[in-house]
Amino acid sequence: MTTRLCALLLLASLISSSLAAEEMLGQMPMARIQIYAGPLSRDYLGCLSCDRNEVAAVLNPYGPYGWDNAYAAHSHFAQYRSPKGRYSACDPYAAEPPILIDSSGRTYGRLSISTLRPDSLCGPHGSPGVCVPLTEMCRHAATDP
């Protein structure tokens, strides 16, 4: 792990709201952390560390990758938001949840609501600033018809 990521995770753990975490992510000079999932991690699920106004940002409620929009529930990306599934971020027991990778190929853990998985953003060394909105997205996705 780089020093920048460790500082980000420490700062994010001190931040209670996802909006504050988003602002902190936007202010820190860091690599663009992208989310990939599925067999061989081929499906692009969006950008975790991008500005919320970017089309690829998962925090953009109007973009195709936004966690707060209905598009993902009706596309092939739905399997990654499902309460159960090998590749789902919303299944705490998923074998291969989405992975976080920067442009140089470094990995930053798994996008998973698992509190036990050591590489999960909701795990013991995770980031509450990302875990809280991820958990909310999963809860919302589970109640969608």
C-alpha atoms as a PDB file:
ATOM      1  CA  MET A   1       0.000   0.000   0.000  1.00  0.00           C
ATOM      2  CA  THR A   2       1.247   3.453  -0.757  1.00  0.00           C
ATOM      3  CA  THR A   3       1.579   6.155   1.862  1.00  0.00           C
ATOM      4  CA  ARG A   4      -1.079   8.189   0.057  1.00  0.00           C
ATOM      5  CA  LEU A   5      -3.604   5.339   0.241  1.00  0.00           C
ATOM      6  CA  CYS A   6      -2.849   4.747   3.929  1.00  0.00           C
ATOM      7  CA  ALA A   7      -3.423   8.442   4.613  1.00  0.00           C
ATOM      8  CA  LEU A   8      -6.648   8.335   2.580  1.00  0.00           C
ATOM      9  CA  LEU A   9      -7.950   5.329   4.494  1.00  0.00           C
ATOM     10  CA  LEU A  10      -7.032   6.909   7.828  1.00  0.00           C
ATOM     11  CA  LEU A  11      -8.722  10.187   6.911  1.00  0.00           C
ATOM     12  CA  ALA A  12     -11.766   8.427   5.460  1.00  0.00           C
ATOM     13  CA  SER A  13     -12.172   6.432   8.665  1.00  0.00           C
ATOM     14  CA  LEU A  14     -12.400   9.703  10.583  1.00  0.00           C
ATOM     15  CA  ILE A  15     -15.101  11.060   8.304  1.00  0.00           C
ATOM     16  CA  SER A  16     -18.663  10.052   9.090  1.00  0.00           C
ATOM     17  CA  SER A  17     -20.614  11.202   6.039  1.00  0.00           C
ATOM     18  CA  SER A  18     -20.138  10.025   2.466  1.00  0.00           C
ATOM     19  CA  LEU A  19     -20.273  13.619   1.217  1.00  0.00           C
ATOM     20  CA  ALA A  20     -17.348  14.583   3.432  1.00  0.00           C
ATOM     21  CA  ALA A  21     -15.472  11.495   2.241  1.00  0.00           C
ATOM     22  CA  GLU A  22     -16.177  12.445  -1.356  1.00  0.00           C
ATOM     23  CA  GLU A  23     -14.824  15.958  -0.770  1.00  0.00           C
ATOM     24  CA  MET A  24     -11.705  14.521   0.851  1.00  0.00           C
ATOM     25  CA  LEU A  25     -11.170  12.124  -2.079  1.00  0.00           C
ATOM     26  CA  GLY A  26     -11.456  15.030  -4.499  1.00  0.00           C
ATOM     27  CA  GLN A  27      -8.872  17.132  -2.659  1.00  0.00           C
ATOM     28  CA  MET A  28      -6.165  14.491  -2.357  1.00  0.00           C
ATOM     29  CA  PRO A  29      -3.704  14.073  -5.238  1.00  0.00           C
ATOM     30  CA  MET A  30      -3.990  10.370  -5.947  1.00  0.00           C
ATOM     31  CA  ALA A  31      -4.396   7.818  -8.675  1.00  0.00           C
ATOM     32  CA  ARG A  32      -7.802   7.254 -10.236  1.00  0.00           C
ATOM     33  CA  ILE A  33      -9.151   4.149  -8.567  1.00  0.00           C
ATOM     34  CA  GLN A  34     -11.318   2.158 -10.955  1.00  0.00           C
ATOM     35  CA  ILE A  35     -13.691  -0.706 -10.144  1.00  0.00           C
ATOM     36  CA  TYR A  36     -13.660  -3.917 -12.208  1.00  0.00           C
ATOM     37  CA  ALA A  37     -15.652  -7.114 -11.693  1.00  0.00           C
ATOM     38  CA  GLY A  38     -16.655 -10.451 -13.130  1.00  0.00           C
ATOM     39  CA  PRO A  39     -14.621 -13.283 -14.591  1.00  0.00           C
ATOM     40  CA  LEU A  40     -11.045 -12.045 -15.059  1.00  0.00           C
ATOM     41  CA  SER A  41     -12.238  -8.615 -13.795  1.00  0.00           C
ATOM     42  CA  ARG A  42     -13.266  -7.556 -17.313  1.00  0.00           C
ATOM     43  CA  ASP A  43     -16.410  -5.522 -16.558  1.00  0.00           C
ATOM     44  CA  TYR A  44     -15.786  -1.861 -15.780  1.00  0.00           C
ATOM     45  CA  LEU A  45     -18.059  -0.640 -12.978  1.00  0.00           C
ATOM     46  CA  GLY A  46     -16.921   2.976 -12.654  1.00  0.00           C
ATOM     47  CA  CYS A  47     -14.441   5.221 -10.912  1.00  0.00           C
ATOM     48  CA  LEU A  48     -14.325   5.329  -7.117  1.00  0.00           C
ATOM     49  CA  SER A  49     -11.991   8.293  -6.672  1.00  0.00           C
ATOM     50  CA  CYS A  50     -13.231  10.519  -9.532  1.00  0.00           C
ATOM     51  CA  ASP A  51     -15.014  13.814  -9.056  1.00  0.00           C
ATOM     52  CA  ARG A  52     -18.756  13.245  -8.606  1.00  0.00           C
ATOM     53  CA  ASN A  53     -19.467  15.212 -11.806  1.00  0.00           C
ATOM     54  CA  GLU A  54     -17.470  12.857 -14.017  1.00  0.00           C
ATOM     55  CA  VAL A  55     -19.573  10.456 -16.076  1.00  0.00           C
ATOM     56  CA  ALA A  56     -17.694   7.393 -14.793  1.00  0.00           C
ATOM     57  CA  ALA A  57     -17.921   8.373 -11.101  1.00  0.00           C
ATOM     58  CA  VAL A  58     -19.852   5.977  -8.880  1.00  0.00           C
ATOM     59  CA  LEU A  59     -20.880   8.973  -6.762  1.00  0.00           C
ATOM     60  CA  ASN A  60     -22.524  10.666  -9.768  1.00  0.00           C
ATOM     61  CA  PRO A  61     -26.264  10.041  -9.296  1.00  0.00           C
ATOM     62  CA  TYR A  62     -26.967  10.821 -12.962  1.00  0.00           C
ATOM     63  CA  GLY A  63     -24.152   8.871 -14.632  1.00  0.00           C
ATOM     64  CA  PRO A  64     -24.466   5.314 -15.927  1.00  0.00           C
ATOM     65  CA  TYR A  65     -22.119   4.039 -13.180  1.00  0.00           C
ATOM     66  CA  GLY A  66     -23.731   5.956 -10.309  1.00  0.00           C
ATOM     67  CA  TRP A  67     -24.695   3.951  -7.252  1.00  0.00           C
ATOM     68  CA  ASP A  68     -27.851   6.032  -6.774  1.00  0.00           C
ATOM     69  CA  ASN A  69     -29.429   5.485 -10.178  1.00  0.00           C
ATOM     70  CA  ALA A  70     -31.741   2.793 -11.483  1.00  0.00           C
ATOM     71  CA  TYR A  71     -29.717   2.008 -14.625  1.00  0.00           C
ATOM     72  CA  ALA A  72     -27.531  -0.613 -12.944  1.00  0.00           C
ATOM     73  CA  ALA A  73     -30.566  -2.508 -11.650  1.00  0.00           C
ATOM     74  CA  HIS A  74     -31.749  -3.091 -15.229  1.00  0.00           C
ATOM     75  CA  SER A  75     -28.440  -3.825 -16.933  1.00  0.00           C
ATOM     76  CA  HIS A  76     -25.869  -6.601 -16.930  1.00  0.00           C
ATOM     77  CA  PHE A  77     -24.255  -4.782 -13.974  1.00  0.00           C
ATOM     78  CA  ALA A  78     -27.118  -5.922 -11.706  1.00  0.00           C
ATOM     79  CA  GLN A  79     -25.241  -9.096 -10.802  1.00  0.00           C
ATOM     80  CA  TYR A  80     -22.618  -6.973  -9.028  1.00  0.00           C
ATOM     81  CA  ARG A  81     -25.300  -5.373  -6.814  1.00  0.00           C
ATOM     82  CA  SER A  82     -27.181  -8.588  -6.105  1.00  0.00           C
ATOM     83  CA  PRO A  83     -27.592  -9.731  -2.473  1.00  0.00           C
ATOM     84  CA  LYS A  84     -26.137 -13.104  -3.535  1.00  0.00           C
ATOM     85  CA  GLY A  85     -23.512 -13.905  -6.114  1.00  0.00           C
ATOM     86  CA  ARG A  86     -19.917 -14.914  -6.673  1.00  0.00           C
ATOM     87  CA  TYR A  87     -18.972 -11.462  -8.015  1.00  0.00           C
ATOM     88  CA  SER A  88     -21.350  -9.247  -6.033  1.00  0.00           C
ATOM     89  CA  ALA A  89     -20.169  -6.352  -3.877  1.00  0.00           C
ATOM     90  CA  CYS A  90     -23.384  -6.792  -1.883  1.00  0.00           C
ATOM     91  CA  ASP A  91     -22.830 -10.428  -0.910  1.00  0.00           C
ATOM     92  CA  PRO A  92     -20.610 -10.568   2.189  1.00  0.00           C
ATOM     93  CA  TYR A  93     -19.609 -14.128   1.229  1.00  0.00           C
ATOM     94  CA  ALA A  94     -18.835 -13.462  -2.446  1.00  0.00           C
ATOM     95  CA  ALA A  95     -15.782 -15.347  -3.657  1.00  0.00           C
ATOM     96  CA  GLU A  96     -14.634 -12.631  -6.089  1.00  0.00           C
ATOM     97  CA  PRO A  97     -16.223  -9.244  -5.372  1.00  0.00           C
ATOM     98  CA  PRO A  98     -15.245  -6.251  -7.548  1.00  0.00           C
ATOM     99  CA  ILE A  99     -11.611  -5.229  -7.352  1.00  0.00           C
ATOM    100  CA  LEU A 100     -10.170  -1.710  -7.068  1.00  0.00           C
ATOM    101  CA  ILE A 101      -7.324  -0.980  -9.475  1.00  0.00           C
ATOM    102  CA  ASP A 102      -5.506   2.215 -10.437  1.00  0.00           C
ATOM    103  CA  SER A 103      -4.201   3.088 -13.907  1.00  0.00           C
ATOM    104  CA  SER A 104      -0.782   1.572 -13.171  1.00  0.00           C
ATOM    105  CA  GLY A 105      -2.318  -1.780 -12.226  1.00  0.00           C
ATOM    106  CA  ARG A 106      -1.953  -1.530  -8.453  1.00  0.00           C
ATOM    107  CA  THR A 107      -4.796  -3.098  -6.488  1.00  0.00           C
ATOM    108  CA  TYR A 108      -6.411  -1.452  -3.467  1.00  0.00           C
ATOM    109  CA  GLY A 109      -8.630  -4.233  -2.193  1.00  0.00           C
ATOM    110  CA  ARG A 110     -12.141  -5.427  -2.886  1.00  0.00           C
ATOM    111  CA  LEU A 111     -15.421  -3.552  -3.087  1.00  0.00           C
ATOM    112  CA  SER A 112     -17.386  -5.696  -0.675  1.00  0.00           C
ATOM    113  CA  ILE A 113     -19.709  -5.221   2.287  1.00  0.00           C
ATOM    114  CA  SER A 114     -17.939  -8.085   4.090  1.00  0.00           C
ATOM    115  CA  THR A 115     -16.778  -6.986   7.523  1.00  0.00           C
ATOM    116  CA  LEU A 116     -14.567 -10.062   7.882  1.00  0.00           C
ATOM    117  CA  ARG A 117     -12.686 -10.101   4.591  1.00  0.00           C
ATOM    118  CA  PRO A 118      -9.272  -8.433   5.188  1.00  0.00           C
ATOM    119  CA  ASP A 119      -9.130  -6.853   1.706  1.00  0.00           C
ATOM    120  CA  SER A 120     -12.709  -5.499   1.833  1.00  0.00           C
ATOM    121  CA  LEU A 121     -13.418  -1.765   2.032  1.00  0.00           C
ATOM    122  CA  CYS A 122     -15.868  -2.656   4.808  1.00  0.00           C
ATOM    123  CA  GLY A 123     -13.393  -5.007   6.497  1.00  0.00           C
ATOM    124  CA  PRO A 124     -11.156  -4.468   9.497  1.00  0.00           C
ATOM    125  CA  HIS A 125      -8.719  -2.280   7.538  1.00  0.00           C
ATOM    126  CA  GLY A 126     -11.351  -0.760   5.264  1.00  0.00           C
ATOM    127  CA  SER A 127     -12.719   2.689   4.644  1.00  0.00           C
ATOM    128  CA  PRO A 128     -15.969   3.746   6.358  1.00  0.00           C
ATOM    129  CA  GLY A 129     -16.149   6.706   3.970  1.00  0.00           C
ATOM    130  CA  VAL A 130     -16.689   4.226   1.119  1.00  0.00           C
ATOM    131  CA  CYS A 131     -18.290   1.395   3.093  1.00  0.00           C
ATOM    132  CA  VAL A 132     -21.264   3.487   4.275  1.00  0.00           C
ATOM    133  CA  PRO A 133     -22.474   4.521   0.774  1.00  0.00           C
ATOM    134  CA  LEU A 134     -21.714   1.022  -0.570  1.00  0.00           C
ATOM    135  CA  THR A 135     -23.827  -0.565   2.170  1.00  0.00           C
ATOM    136  CA  GLU A 136     -26.641   1.929   1.496  1.00  0.00           C
ATOM    137  CA  MET A 137     -26.499   1.127  -2.233  1.00  0.00           C
ATOM    138  CA  CYS A 138     -26.666  -2.601  -1.469  1.00  0.00           C
ATOM    139  CA  ARG A 139     -29.600  -2.112   0.889  1.00  0.00           C
ATOM    140  CA  HIS A 140     -31.419  -0.064  -1.746  1.00  0.00           C
ATOM    141  CA  ALA A 141     -30.630  -2.596  -4.502  1.00  0.00           C
ATOM    142  CA  ALA A 142     -32.013  -5.422  -2.360  1.00  0.00           C
ATOM    143  CA  THR A 143     -35.370  -3.638  -2.034  1.00  0.00           C
ATOM    144  CA  ASP A 144     -35.694  -2.743  -5.731  1.00  0.00           C
ATOM    145  CA  PRO A 145     -38.380  -4.805  -7.509  1.00  0.00           C
END
